[in-house]
PDB file of N, CA and C in Angstrom:
ATOM      1  N   UNK A   1      84.425 122.753 -76.156  1.00  0.00           N
ATOM      2  CA  UNK A   1      83.393 123.708 -75.697  1.00  0.00           C
ATOM      3  C   UNK A   1      84.031 124.494 -73.986  1.00  0.00           C
ATOM      4  N   UNK A   2      83.926 125.841 -74.196  1.00  0.00           N
ATOM      5  CA  UNK A   2      84.464 126.497 -73.210  1.00  0.00           C
ATOM      6  C   UNK A   2      83.280 126.684 -72.106  1.00  0.00           C
ATOM      7  N   UNK A   3      83.816 127.812 -71.212  1.00  0.00           N
ATOM      8  CA  UNK A   3      83.259 127.587 -70.074  1.00  0.00           C
ATOM      9  C   UNK A   3      81.672 128.742 -70.602  1.00  0.00           C
ATOM     10  N   UNK A   4      81.786 129.990 -71.354  1.00  0.00           N
ATOM     11  CA  UNK A   4      80.814 130.525 -72.108  1.00  0.00           C
ATOM     12  C   UNK A   4      79.971 129.419 -72.463  1.00  0.00           C
ATOM     13  N   UNK A   5      79.866 128.663 -73.264  1.00  0.00           N
ATOM     14  CA  UNK A   5      79.015 127.784 -73.904  1.00  0.00           C
ATOM     15  C   UNK A   5      78.265 126.827 -72.777  1.00  0.00           C
ATOM     16  N   UNK A   6      79.453 126.503 -71.752  1.00  0.00           N
ATOM     17  CA  UNK A   6      78.857 125.468 -71.046  1.00  0.00           C
ATOM     18  C   UNK A   6      77.868 126.648 -69.921  1.00  0.00           C
ATOM     19  N   UNK A   7      78.147 127.691 -69.218  1.00  0.00           N
ATOM     20  CA  UNK A   7      77.311 128.788 -68.778  1.00  0.00           C
ATOM     21  C   UNK A   7      75.948 128.763 -69.096  1.00  0.00           C
ATOM     22  N   UNK A   8      76.056 128.799 -70.794  1.00  0.00           N
ATOM     23  CA  UNK A   8      74.822 129.369 -71.726  1.00  0.00           C
ATOM     24  C   UNK A   8      73.753 128.115 -71.635  1.00  0.00           C
ATOM     25  N   UNK A   9      74.086 127.030 -71.603  1.00  0.00           N
ATOM     26  CA  UNK A   9      73.484 125.644 -71.978  1.00  0.00           C
ATOM     27  C   UNK A   9      72.917 125.762 -70.684  1.00  0.00           C
ATOM     28  N   UNK A  10      73.881 125.334 -69.089  1.00  0.00           N
ATOM     29  CA  UNK A  10      73.319 125.212 -67.908  1.00  0.00           C
ATOM     30  C   UNK A  10      71.956 126.666 -67.923  1.00  0.00           C
ATOM     31  N   UNK A  11      72.321 127.437 -68.049  1.00  0.00           N
ATOM     32  CA  UNK A  11      71.559 128.671 -68.211  1.00  0.00           C
ATOM     33  C   UNK A  11      69.757 128.519 -68.893  1.00  0.00           C
ATOM     34  N   UNK A  12      70.553 128.065 -70.164  1.00  0.00           N
ATOM     35  CA  UNK A  12      68.610 127.692 -70.439  1.00  0.00           C
ATOM     36  C   UNK A  12      67.856 126.468 -70.350  1.00  0.00           C
ATOM     37  N   UNK A  13      68.631 125.022 -69.544  1.00  0.00           N
ATOM     38  CA  UNK A  13      68.483 124.153 -68.734  1.00  0.00           C
ATOM     39  C   UNK A  13      67.596 125.070 -67.671  1.00  0.00           C
ATOM     40  N   UNK A  14      68.239 126.023 -66.992  1.00  0.00           N
ATOM     41  CA  UNK A  14      67.603 126.433 -65.317  1.00  0.00           C
ATOM     42  C   UNK A  14      66.098 126.886 -65.905  1.00  0.00           C
ATOM     43  N   UNK A  15      66.116 128.274 -67.361  1.00  0.00           N
ATOM     44  CA  UNK A  15      64.902 128.534 -67.365  1.00  0.00           C
ATOM     45  C   UNK A  15      63.691 127.081 -67.938  1.00  0.00           C
ATOM     46  N   UNK A  16      64.422 126.500 -68.945  1.00  0.00           N
ATOM     47  CA  UNK A  16      63.337 125.389 -69.244  1.00  0.00           C
ATOM     48  C   UNK A  16      62.686 124.663 -67.984  1.00  0.00           C
ATOM     49  N   UNK A  17      63.719 124.179 -67.292  1.00  0.00           N
ATOM     50  CA  UNK A  17      63.293 123.379 -66.016  1.00  0.00           C
ATOM     51  C   UNK A  17      62.607 124.135 -65.212  1.00  0.00           C
ATOM     52  N   UNK A  18      62.663 125.611 -64.965  1.00  0.00           N
ATOM     53  CA  UNK A  18      61.757 126.110 -64.582  1.00  0.00           C
ATOM     54  C   UNK A  18      60.607 126.113 -64.582  1.00  0.00           C
ATOM     55  N   UNK A  19      60.503 126.480 -65.796  1.00  0.00           N
ATOM     56  CA  UNK A  19      59.033 126.942 -66.401  1.00  0.00           C
ATOM     57  C   UNK A  19      57.975 125.641 -66.257  1.00  0.00           C
ATOM     58  N   UNK A  20      59.055 124.303 -66.854  1.00  0.00           N
ATOM     59  CA  UNK A  20      58.504 123.127 -66.629  1.00  0.00           C
ATOM     60  C   UNK A  20      57.956 122.696 -65.148  1.00  0.00           C
ATOM     61  N   UNK A  21      58.629 123.359 -64.151  1.00  0.00           N
ATOM     62  CA  UNK A  21      58.234 122.919 -63.227  1.00  0.00           C
ATOM     63  C   UNK A  21      56.737 123.430 -62.558  1.00  0.00           C
ATOM     64  N   UNK A  22      56.701 124.951 -63.205  1.00  0.00           N
ATOM     65  CA  UNK A  22      55.754 125.672 -62.828  1.00  0.00           C
ATOM     66  C   UNK A  22      54.341 125.658 -63.540  1.00  0.00           C
ATOM     67  N   UNK A  23      54.738 124.543 -65.115  1.00  0.00           N
ATOM     68  CA  UNK A  23      53.532 124.434 -65.501  1.00  0.00           C
ATOM     69  C   UNK A  23      53.244 123.569 -65.627  1.00  0.00           C
ATOM     70  N   UNK A  24      54.044 122.073 -65.630  1.00  0.00           N
ATOM     71  CA  UNK A  24      53.696 120.750 -65.730  1.00  0.00           C
ATOM     72  C   UNK A  24      53.965 120.218 -64.360  1.00  0.00           C
ATOM     73  N   UNK A  25      54.760 120.155 -63.664  1.00  0.00           N
ATOM     74  CA  UNK A  25      54.908 119.339 -62.329  1.00  0.00           C
ATOM     75  C   UNK A  25      53.934 120.305 -61.073  1.00  0.00           C
ATOM     76  N   UNK A  26      53.413 121.297 -61.298  1.00  0.00           N
ATOM     77  CA  UNK A  26      52.833 121.923 -60.386  1.00  0.00           C
ATOM     78  C   UNK A  26      51.256 121.107 -59.862  1.00  0.00           C
ATOM     79  N   UNK A  27      51.099 120.446 -58.838  1.00  0.00           N
ATOM     80  CA  UNK A  27      50.097 119.690 -59.053  1.00  0.00           C
ATOM     81  C   UNK A  27      50.236 118.833 -58.988  1.00  0.00           C
ATOM     82  N   UNK A  28      51.289 117.865 -59.152  1.00  0.00           N
ATOM     83  CA  UNK A  28      51.552 116.625 -59.307  1.00  0.00           C
ATOM     84  C   UNK A  28      52.594 116.130 -59.004  1.00  0.00           C
ATOM     85  N   UNK A  29      53.204 117.092 -57.607  1.00  0.00           N
ATOM     86  CA  UNK A  29      54.756 116.587 -56.815  1.00  0.00           C
ATOM     87  C   UNK A  29      53.597 116.661 -55.405  1.00  0.00           C
ATOM     88  N   UNK A  30      54.403 116.049 -54.537  1.00  0.00           N
ATOM     89  CA  UNK A  30      53.846 115.837 -53.132  1.00  0.00           C
ATOM     90  C   UNK A  30      54.542 117.558 -52.313  1.00  0.00           C
ATOM     91  N   UNK A  31      53.938 117.361 -51.568  1.00  0.00           N
ATOM     92  CA  UNK A  31      54.083 118.718 -50.670  1.00  0.00           C
ATOM     93  C   UNK A  31      55.168 119.504 -50.497  1.00  0.00           C
ATOM     94  N   UNK A  32      55.714 120.070 -51.054  1.00  0.00           N
ATOM     95  CA  UNK A  32      57.827 121.039 -50.793  1.00  0.00           C
ATOM     96  C   UNK A  32      58.182 120.302 -51.907  1.00  0.00           C
ATOM     97  N   UNK A  33      57.999 119.632 -52.751  1.00  0.00           N
ATOM     98  CA  UNK A  33      58.873 119.009 -53.394  1.00  0.00           C
ATOM     99  C   UNK A  33      58.691 120.232 -54.858  1.00  0.00           C
ATOM    100  N   UNK A  34      57.953 120.826 -55.126  1.00  0.00           N
ATOM    101  CA  UNK A  34      57.938 121.810 -56.013  1.00  0.00           C
ATOM    102  C   UNK A  34      58.946 123.082 -55.824  1.00  0.00           C
ATOM    103  N   UNK A  35      59.070 123.277 -54.557  1.00  0.00           N
ATOM    104  CA  UNK A  35      60.325 124.325 -53.609  1.00  0.00           C
ATOM    105  C   UNK A  35      61.631 123.366 -54.034  1.00  0.00           C
ATOM    106  N   UNK A  36      61.462 122.297 -53.987  1.00  0.00           N
ATOM    107  CA  UNK A  36      63.100 121.687 -53.808  1.00  0.00           C
ATOM    108  C   UNK A  36      63.553 121.705 -55.145  1.00  0.00           C
ATOM    109  N   UNK A  37      62.632 121.501 -56.097  1.00  0.00           N
ATOM    110  CA  UNK A  37      62.886 121.715 -58.038  1.00  0.00           C
ATOM    111  C   UNK A  37      63.356 122.979 -58.234  1.00  0.00           C
ATOM    112  N   UNK A  38      62.555 124.109 -57.340  1.00  0.00           N
ATOM    113  CA  UNK A  38      62.893 125.516 -57.885  1.00  0.00           C
ATOM    114  C   UNK A  38      64.089 126.035 -57.569  1.00  0.00           C
ATOM    115  N   UNK A  39      64.527 125.240 -56.283  1.00  0.00           N
ATOM    116  CA  UNK A  39      65.799 125.780 -55.429  1.00  0.00           C
ATOM    117  C   UNK A  39      66.786 125.243 -56.871  1.00  0.00           C
ATOM    118  N   UNK A  40      66.661 124.063 -56.830  1.00  0.00           N
ATOM    119  CA  UNK A  40      67.947 123.264 -57.981  1.00  0.00           C
ATOM    120  C   UNK A  40      67.690 124.126 -59.117  1.00  0.00           C
ATOM    121  N   UNK A  41      66.602 124.756 -59.457  1.00  0.00           N
ATOM    122  CA  UNK A  41      66.500 125.534 -60.872  1.00  0.00           C
ATOM    123  C   UNK A  41      67.823 126.971 -60.515  1.00  0.00           C
ATOM    124  N   UNK A  42      67.320 127.409 -59.149  1.00  0.00           N
ATOM    125  CA  UNK A  42      67.660 129.075 -59.034  1.00  0.00           C
ATOM    126  C   UNK A  42      69.202 128.754 -58.956  1.00  0.00           C
ATOM    127  N   UNK A  43      69.406 127.661 -57.911  1.00  0.00           N
ATOM    128  CA  UNK A  43      71.206 127.841 -57.870  1.00  0.00           C
ATOM    129  C   UNK A  43      71.774 127.473 -59.006  1.00  0.00           C
ATOM    130  N   UNK A  44      71.127 126.654 -60.017  1.00  0.00           N
ATOM    131  CA  UNK A  44      72.069 126.095 -61.038  1.00  0.00           C
ATOM    132  C   UNK A  44      71.487 127.639 -61.947  1.00  0.00           C
ATOM    133  N   UNK A  45      70.916 128.561 -62.150  1.00  0.00           N
ATOM    134  CA  UNK A  45      71.248 130.048 -63.347  1.00  0.00           C
ATOM    135  C   UNK A  45      72.083 130.661 -62.327  1.00  0.00           C
ATOM    136  N   UNK A  46      72.251 130.446 -61.020  1.00  0.00           N
ATOM    137  CA  UNK A  46      73.504 131.651 -60.237  1.00  0.00           C
ATOM    138  C   UNK A  46      74.440 131.055 -60.677  1.00  0.00           C
ATOM    139  N   UNK A  47      74.675 129.531 -60.990  1.00  0.00           N
ATOM    140  CA  UNK A  47      76.043 129.193 -61.422  1.00  0.00           C
ATOM    141  C   UNK A  47      76.437 128.975 -62.553  1.00  0.00           C
ATOM    142  N   UNK A  48      75.368 129.380 -63.507  1.00  0.00           N
ATOM    143  CA  UNK A  48      75.399 129.330 -64.889  1.00  0.00           C
ATOM    144  C   UNK A  48      75.917 130.650 -65.097  1.00  0.00           C
ATOM    145  N   UNK A  49      75.819 131.745 -64.395  1.00  0.00           N
ATOM    146  CA  UNK A  49      75.893 133.282 -64.678  1.00  0.00           C
ATOM    147  C   UNK A  49      77.575 133.201 -64.381  1.00  0.00           C
ATOM    148  N   UNK A  50      77.756 132.591 -63.435  1.00  0.00           N
ATOM    149  CA  UNK A  50      78.998 132.297 -62.528  1.00  0.00           C
ATOM    150  C   UNK A  50      80.571 131.821 -63.653  1.00  0.00           C
ATOM    151  N   UNK A  51      79.565 130.336 -64.253  1.00  0.00           N
ATOM    152  CA  UNK A  51      80.471 129.935 -65.326  1.00  0.00           C
ATOM    153  C   UNK A  51      80.807 131.024 -66.455  1.00  0.00           C
ATOM    154  N   UNK A  52      79.463 131.930 -66.750  1.00  0.00           N
ATOM    155  CA  UNK A  52      79.391 132.594 -68.063  1.00  0.00           C
ATOM    156  C   UNK A  52      80.875 133.709 -67.606  1.00  0.00           C
ATOM    157  N   UNK A  53      80.655 134.407 -66.143  1.00  0.00           N
ATOM    158  CA  UNK A  53      81.636 135.082 -66.015  1.00  0.00           C
ATOM    159  C   UNK A  53      83.015 134.329 -65.850  1.00  0.00           C
ATOM    160  N   UNK A  54      83.087 133.238 -65.834  1.00  0.00           N
ATOM    161  CA  UNK A  54      84.486 132.439 -65.750  1.00  0.00           C
ATOM    162  C   UNK A  54      84.973 131.929 -67.338  1.00  0.00           C
ATOM    163  N   UNK A  55      84.291 131.998 -67.887  1.00  0.00           N
ATOM    164  CA  UNK A  55      84.527 131.779 -69.250  1.00  0.00           C
ATOM    165  C   UNK A  55      85.311 133.165 -70.060  1.00  0.00           C
ATOM    166  N   UNK A  56      84.979 134.378 -69.616  1.00  0.00           N
ATOM    167  CA  UNK A  56      85.227 135.192 -69.897  1.00  0.00           C
ATOM    168  C   UNK A  56      86.520 135.889 -69.701  1.00  0.00           C
ATOM    169  N   UNK A  57      86.740 135.656 -67.940  1.00  0.00           N
ATOM    170  CA  UNK A  57      87.833 135.625 -67.041  1.00  0.00           C
ATOM    171  C   UNK A  57      88.811 134.953 -68.071  1.00  0.00           C
ATOM    172  N   UNK A  58      88.608 133.651 -68.374  1.00  0.00           N
ATOM    173  CA  UNK A  58      89.375 132.584 -68.837  1.00  0.00           C
ATOM    174  C   UNK A  58      90.008 132.972 -70.040  1.00  0.00           C
ATOM    175  N   UNK A  59      88.959 133.457 -70.724  1.00  0.00           N
ATOM    176  CA  UNK A  59      89.390 134.161 -72.341  1.00  0.00           C
ATOM    177  C   UNK A  59      90.311 135.392 -72.063  1.00  0.00           C
ATOM    178  N   UNK A  60      90.261 136.043 -70.937  1.00  0.00           N
ATOM    179  CA  UNK A  60      90.938 136.957 -71.239  1.00  0.00           C
ATOM    180  C   UNK A  60      92.110 136.951 -70.621  1.00  0.00           C
ATOM    181  N   UNK A  61      92.660 135.987 -70.201  1.00  0.00           N
ATOM    182  CA  UNK A  61      93.338 134.768 -69.628  1.00  0.00           C
ATOM    183  C   UNK A  61      94.003 135.770 -68.119  1.00  0.00           C
ATOM    184  N   UNK A  62      92.798 135.917 -67.071  1.00  0.00           N
ATOM    185  CA  UNK A  62      92.795 136.732 -66.071  1.00  0.00           C
ATOM    186  C   UNK A  62      92.811 135.162 -65.242  1.00  0.00           C
ATOM    187  N   UNK A  63      93.555 135.512 -64.018  1.00  0.00           N
ATOM    188  CA  UNK A  63      93.549 134.027 -62.902  1.00  0.00           C
ATOM    189  C   UNK A  63      93.743 132.746 -63.342  1.00  0.00           C
ATOM    190  N   UNK A  64      94.264 132.263 -64.430  1.00  0.00           N
ATOM    191  CA  UNK A  64      95.159 131.173 -64.827  1.00  0.00           C
ATOM    192  C   UNK A  64      94.099 129.975 -64.477  1.00  0.00           C
ATOM    193  N   UNK A  65      94.577 128.927 -63.916  1.00  0.00           N
ATOM    194  CA  UNK A  65      94.340 127.634 -63.482  1.00  0.00           C
ATOM    195  C   UNK A  65      93.210 127.654 -62.531  1.00  0.00           C
ATOM    196  N   UNK A  66      93.565 128.750 -61.256  1.00  0.00           N
ATOM    197  CA  UNK A  66      92.121 129.007 -60.339  1.00  0.00           C
ATOM    198  C   UNK A  66      91.155 128.823 -60.909  1.00  0.00           C
ATOM    199  N   UNK A  67      90.929 129.886 -61.826  1.00  0.00           N
ATOM    200  CA  UNK A  67      89.597 130.523 -62.725  1.00  0.00           C
ATOM    201  C   UNK A  67      89.068 129.366 -63.521  1.00  0.00           C
ATOM    202  N   UNK A  68      90.462 128.838 -64.692  1.00  0.00           N
ATOM    203  CA  UNK A  68      89.609 127.434 -65.010  1.00  0.00           C
ATOM    204  C   UNK A  68      89.360 126.145 -64.022  1.00  0.00           C
ATOM    205  N   UNK A  69      89.971 126.233 -62.558  1.00  0.00           N
ATOM    206  CA  UNK A  69      89.328 125.313 -61.268  1.00  0.00           C
ATOM    207  C   UNK A  69      87.993 125.362 -61.338  1.00  0.00           C
ATOM    208  N   UNK A  70      87.704 126.967 -60.716  1.00  0.00           N
ATOM    209  CA  UNK A  70      86.535 127.242 -60.324  1.00  0.00           C
ATOM    210  C   UNK A  70      85.667 127.022 -61.314  1.00  0.00           C
ATOM    211  N   UNK A  71      85.619 127.117 -62.775  1.00  0.00           N
ATOM    212  CA  UNK A  71      84.510 126.613 -63.775  1.00  0.00           C
ATOM    213  C   UNK A  71      84.768 125.240 -63.425  1.00  0.00           C
ATOM    214  N   UNK A  72      85.136 124.503 -63.557  1.00  0.00           N
ATOM    215  CA  UNK A  72      85.424 122.666 -63.157  1.00  0.00           C
ATOM    216  C   UNK A  72      83.924 122.830 -62.173  1.00  0.00           C
ATOM    217  N   UNK A  73      84.949 122.979 -61.409  1.00  0.00           N
ATOM    218  CA  UNK A  73      83.489 122.891 -60.201  1.00  0.00           C
ATOM    219  C   UNK A  73      82.812 123.393 -59.781  1.00  0.00           C
ATOM    220  N   UNK A  74      82.196 124.777 -60.736  1.00  0.00           N
ATOM    221  CA  UNK A  74      80.577 124.862 -60.880  1.00  0.00           C
ATOM    222  C   UNK A  74      79.687 124.406 -61.675  1.00  0.00           C
ATOM    223  N   UNK A  75      80.558 123.341 -62.569  1.00  0.00           N
ATOM    224  CA  UNK A  75      79.887 122.804 -63.457  1.00  0.00           C
ATOM    225  C   UNK A  75      79.373 121.519 -63.044  1.00  0.00           C
ATOM    226  N   UNK A  76      80.735 121.110 -62.264  1.00  0.00           N
ATOM    227  CA  UNK A  76      80.516 119.997 -61.317  1.00  0.00           C
ATOM    228  C   UNK A  76      79.239 120.095 -60.158  1.00  0.00           C
ATOM    229  N   UNK A  77      79.438 120.804 -59.594  1.00  0.00           N
ATOM    230  CA  UNK A  77      78.611 121.412 -58.806  1.00  0.00           C
ATOM    231  C   UNK A  77      76.941 121.466 -59.143  1.00  0.00           C
ATOM    232  N   UNK A  78      76.845 122.026 -60.106  1.00  0.00           N
ATOM    233  CA  UNK A  78      75.297 121.971 -60.524  1.00  0.00           C
ATOM    234  C   UNK A  78      75.067 120.664 -61.034  1.00  0.00           C
ATOM    235  N   UNK A  79      75.727 119.992 -61.845  1.00  0.00           N
ATOM    236  CA  UNK A  79      75.114 118.565 -62.252  1.00  0.00           C
ATOM    237  C   UNK A  79      74.875 117.739 -60.693  1.00  0.00           C
ATOM    238  N   UNK A  80      75.798 117.862 -59.403  1.00  0.00           N
ATOM    239  CA  UNK A  80      75.306 117.487 -58.325  1.00  0.00           C
ATOM    240  C   UNK A  80      74.089 117.707 -57.319  1.00  0.00           C
ATOM    241  N   UNK A  81      74.459 119.318 -57.266  1.00  0.00           N
ATOM    242  CA  UNK A  81      73.589 120.122 -56.151  1.00  0.00           C
ATOM    243  C   UNK A  81      72.313 119.947 -57.075  1.00  0.00           C
ATOM    244  N   UNK A  82      71.952 121.046 -58.247  1.00  0.00           N
ATOM    245  CA  UNK A  82      70.397 120.646 -58.654  1.00  0.00           C
ATOM    246  C   UNK A  82      70.343 119.403 -59.179  1.00  0.00           C
ATOM    247  N   UNK A  83      71.181 118.538 -60.212  1.00  0.00           N
ATOM    248  CA  UNK A  83      70.550 117.919 -60.883  1.00  0.00           C
ATOM    249  C   UNK A  83      70.036 116.324 -59.836  1.00  0.00           C
ATOM    250  N   UNK A  84      70.662 116.513 -58.408  1.00  0.00           N
ATOM    251  CA  UNK A  84      70.114 115.711 -57.093  1.00  0.00           C
ATOM    252  C   UNK A  84      69.047 116.219 -56.641  1.00  0.00           C
ATOM    253  N   UNK A  85      68.551 117.454 -56.910  1.00  0.00           N
ATOM    254  CA  UNK A  85      67.563 117.816 -56.344  1.00  0.00           C
ATOM    255  C   UNK A  85      65.750 117.753 -57.353  1.00  0.00           C
ATOM    256  N   UNK A  86      66.539 117.841 -58.435  1.00  0.00           N
ATOM    257  CA  UNK A  86      65.240 117.529 -59.859  1.00  0.00           C
ATOM    258  C   UNK A  86      65.348 115.821 -59.492  1.00  0.00           C
ATOM    259  N   UNK A  87      65.978 115.231 -59.218  1.00  0.00           N
ATOM    260  CA  UNK A  87      65.600 113.525 -59.135  1.00  0.00           C
ATOM    261  C   UNK A  87      65.094 113.528 -58.073  1.00  0.00           C
ATOM    262  N   UNK A  88      64.956 113.996 -57.034  1.00  0.00           N
ATOM    263  CA  UNK A  88      64.418 113.957 -55.350  1.00  0.00           C
ATOM    264  C   UNK A  88      63.322 114.333 -55.741  1.00  0.00           C
ATOM    265  N   UNK A  89      62.665 115.554 -56.219  1.00  0.00           N
ATOM    266  CA  UNK A  89      61.635 115.935 -55.863  1.00  0.00           C
ATOM    267  C   UNK A  89      60.863 115.258 -57.137  1.00  0.00           C
ATOM    268  N   UNK A  90      60.925 114.662 -57.946  1.00  0.00           N
ATOM    269  CA  UNK A  90      60.647 114.145 -59.370  1.00  0.00           C
ATOM    270  C   UNK A  90      60.025 112.837 -59.064  1.00  0.00           C
ATOM    271  N   UNK A  91      61.200 111.806 -57.972  1.00  0.00           N
ATOM    272  CA  UNK A  91      61.448 110.413 -58.253  1.00  0.00           C
ATOM    273  C   UNK A  91      60.933 109.971 -56.637  1.00  0.00           C
ATOM    274  N   UNK A  92      61.451 111.348 -55.893  1.00  0.00           N
ATOM    275  CA  UNK A  92      61.006 110.856 -54.096  1.00  0.00           C
ATOM    276  C   UNK A  92      61.945 109.563 -53.942  1.00  0.00           C
ATOM    277  N   UNK A  93      62.987 109.272 -54.379  1.00  0.00           N
ATOM    278  CA  UNK A  93      64.350 108.885 -53.638  1.00  0.00           C
ATOM    279  C   UNK A  93      65.585 109.773 -53.166  1.00  0.00           C
ATOM    280  N   UNK A  94      64.964 109.431 -51.674  1.00  0.00           N
ATOM    281  CA  UNK A  94      65.241 110.250 -51.113  1.00  0.00           C
ATOM    282  C   UNK A  94      67.154 110.020 -50.529  1.00  0.00           C
ATOM    283  N   UNK A  95      67.611 108.956 -51.223  1.00  0.00           N
ATOM    284  CA  UNK A  95      69.165 108.636 -50.470  1.00  0.00           C
ATOM    285  C   UNK A  95      69.848 109.471 -52.130  1.00  0.00           C
ATOM    286  N   UNK A  96      69.055 109.935 -52.410  1.00  0.00           N
ATOM    287  CA  UNK A  96      69.790 111.327 -53.652  1.00  0.00           C
ATOM    288  C   UNK A  96      70.564 112.244 -52.415  1.00  0.00           C
ATOM    289  N   UNK A  97      68.908 112.703 -51.858  1.00  0.00           N
ATOM    290  CA  UNK A  97      69.757 113.802 -51.256  1.00  0.00           C
ATOM    291  C   UNK A  97      71.032 114.065 -50.724  1.00  0.00           C
ATOM    292  N   UNK A  98      71.886 112.427 -49.932  1.00  0.00           N
ATOM    293  CA  UNK A  98      72.863 112.487 -49.877  1.00  0.00           C
ATOM    294  C   UNK A  98      73.971 113.042 -50.705  1.00  0.00           C
ATOM    295  N   UNK A  99      73.755 112.859 -52.359  1.00  0.00           N
ATOM    296  CA  UNK A  99      74.961 113.611 -53.135  1.00  0.00           C
ATOM    297  C   UNK A  99      74.844 115.120 -53.043  1.00  0.00           C
ATOM    298  N   UNK A 100      73.331 115.564 -52.571  1.00  0.00           N
ATOM    299  CA  UNK A 100      73.377 117.411 -52.960  1.00  0.00           C
ATOM    300  C   UNK A 100      74.531 117.614 -51.830  1.00  0.00           C
ATOM    301  N   UNK A 101      74.552 117.652 -50.973  1.00  0.00           N
ATOM    302  CA  UNK A 101      76.267 118.437 -50.206  1.00  0.00           C
ATOM    303  C   UNK A 101      77.058 118.133 -50.831  1.00  0.00           C
ATOM    304  N   UNK A 102      77.424 117.299 -51.766  1.00  0.00           N
ATOM    305  CA  UNK A 102      78.669 117.231 -52.421  1.00  0.00           C
ATOM    306  C   UNK A 102      78.581 118.536 -53.780  1.00  0.00           C
ATOM    307  N   UNK A 103      77.405 118.539 -54.117  1.00  0.00           N
ATOM    308  CA  UNK A 103      77.807 119.254 -54.887  1.00  0.00           C
ATOM    309  C   UNK A 103      77.559 121.131 -54.632  1.00  0.00           C
ATOM    310  N   UNK A 104      76.636 120.624 -53.250  1.00  0.00           N
ATOM    311  CA  UNK A 104      77.055 122.283 -52.674  1.00  0.00           C
ATOM    312  C   UNK A 104      78.537 122.610 -52.206  1.00  0.00           C
ATOM    313  N   UNK A 105      79.349 121.649 -52.161  1.00  0.00           N
ATOM    314  CA  UNK A 105      80.694 121.835 -51.648  1.00  0.00           C
ATOM    315  C   UNK A 105      81.273 122.294 -53.037  1.00  0.00           C
ATOM    316  N   UNK A 106      81.084 121.671 -53.912  1.00  0.00           N
ATOM    317  CA  UNK A 106      81.745 122.047 -55.253  1.00  0.00           C
ATOM    318  C   UNK A 106      81.638 123.244 -55.657  1.00  0.00           C
ATOM    319  N   UNK A 107      80.346 123.990 -55.364  1.00  0.00           N
ATOM    320  CA  UNK A 107      79.857 125.110 -55.625  1.00  0.00           C
ATOM    321  C   UNK A 107      80.957 126.066 -55.029  1.00  0.00           C
ATOM    322  N   UNK A 108      80.946 125.657 -53.312  1.00  0.00           N
ATOM    323  CA  UNK A 108      81.638 126.930 -52.575  1.00  0.00           C
ATOM    324  C   UNK A 108      82.579 127.018 -52.753  1.00  0.00           C
ATOM    325  N   UNK A 109      83.543 125.957 -53.084  1.00  0.00           N
ATOM    326  CA  UNK A 109      84.922 125.949 -53.641  1.00  0.00           C
ATOM    327  C   UNK A 109      85.424 126.297 -54.995  1.00  0.00           C
ATOM    328  N   UNK A 110      84.210 126.357 -55.757  1.00  0.00           N
ATOM    329  CA  UNK A 110      84.661 127.107 -57.304  1.00  0.00           C
ATOM    330  C   UNK A 110      84.073 128.741 -56.696  1.00  0.00           C
ATOM    331  N   UNK A 111      83.514 129.242 -56.029  1.00  0.00           N
ATOM    332  CA  UNK A 111      83.639 130.984 -55.326  1.00  0.00           C
ATOM    333  C   UNK A 111      84.984 131.103 -54.415  1.00  0.00           C
ATOM    334  N   UNK A 112      85.568 130.134 -53.909  1.00  0.00           N
ATOM    335  CA  UNK A 112      86.748 129.909 -53.235  1.00  0.00           C
ATOM    336  C   UNK A 112      88.064 130.240 -54.225  1.00  0.00           C
ATOM    337  N   UNK A 113      88.129 129.630 -55.095  1.00  0.00           N
ATOM    338  CA  UNK A 113      88.867 129.799 -56.156  1.00  0.00           C
ATOM    339  C   UNK A 113      88.725 130.685 -56.940  1.00  0.00           C
ATOM    340  N   UNK A 114      87.323 131.186 -57.057  1.00  0.00           N
ATOM    341  CA  UNK A 114      87.535 132.408 -57.493  1.00  0.00           C
ATOM    342  C   UNK A 114      87.981 133.465 -57.060  1.00  0.00           C
ATOM    343  N   UNK A 115      87.790 133.642 -55.695  1.00  0.00           N
ATOM    344  CA  UNK A 115      88.087 134.513 -54.586  1.00  0.00           C
ATOM    345  C   UNK A 115      89.522 134.380 -54.988  1.00  0.00           C
ATOM    346  N   UNK A 116      90.270 133.535 -54.651  1.00  0.00           N
ATOM    347  CA  UNK A 116      91.978 133.295 -54.275  1.00  0.00           C
ATOM    348  C   UNK A 116      92.315 134.092 -55.968  1.00  0.00           C
ATOM    349  N   UNK A 117      92.150 133.653 -57.256  1.00  0.00           N
ATOM    350  CA  UNK A 117      91.856 134.563 -57.957  1.00  0.00           C
ATOM    351  C   UNK A 117      91.973 135.721 -58.511  1.00  0.00           C
ATOM    352  N   UNK A 118      90.851 136.132 -57.538  1.00  0.00           N
ATOM    353  CA  UNK A 118      90.960 137.826 -57.408  1.00  0.00           C
ATOM    354  C   UNK A 118      91.409 138.748 -57.045  1.00  0.00           C
ATOM    355  N   UNK A 119      92.068 138.122 -55.692  1.00  0.00           N
ATOM    356  CA  UNK A 119      92.990 138.925 -54.951  1.00  0.00           C
ATOM    357  C   UNK A 119      94.396 138.909 -54.851  1.00  0.00           C
ATOM    358  N   UNK A 120      94.531 137.480 -55.869  1.00  0.00           N
ATOM    359  CA  UNK A 120      96.333 137.291 -56.218  1.00  0.00           C
ATOM    360  C   UNK A 120      96.986 138.471 -56.997  1.00  0.00           C
ATOM    361  N   UNK A 121      98.237 138.528 -56.754  1.00  0.00           N
ATOM    362  CA  UNK A 121      98.690 139.706 -58.261  1.00  0.00           C
ATOM    363  C   UNK A 121      98.674 139.291 -59.402  1.00  0.00           C
ATOM    364  N   UNK A 122      98.691 139.578 -60.234  1.00  0.00           N
ATOM    365  CA  UNK A 122      98.333 139.413 -61.401  1.00  0.00           C
ATOM    366  C   UNK A 122      99.552 139.047 -61.856  1.00  0.00           C
ATOM    367  N   UNK A 123     100.063 138.052 -62.647  1.00  0.00           N
ATOM    368  CA  UNK A 123     100.950 137.082 -62.982  1.00  0.00           C
ATOM    369  C   UNK A 123     101.656 137.435 -64.467  1.00  0.00           C
ATOM    370  N   UNK A 124     102.533 138.403 -65.020  1.00  0.00           N
ATOM    371  CA  UNK A 124     102.674 138.285 -66.278  1.00  0.00           C
ATOM    372  C   UNK A 124     103.910 137.411 -66.780  1.00  0.00           C
TER     373      UNK A 124
END
């Protein structure tokens, strides 16, 4: 499965989870936890769109390994960052908050790899 498909799946899930939180979880979560859940959905959507861009760049053979590494980092970052926020918000298991920064670092590194791929000279 390519990065475009993965990005599309994550984008779909972001909308579905955001709607679920708004229409089902609202009023059932402790104070502030709905915002935590929505932060997960928001960052998931941003990085789903980034994965679509990565998939297009990879398909056009632009950026090589750096672009593919960025895609993997975005996908792992979504799972760790957004996933830990979803679980934290719905379960109250605060120990999972320790996972969130690792996901954030993956997302940041994905952007760094994408920047480096964009500024390096094209190799043919």
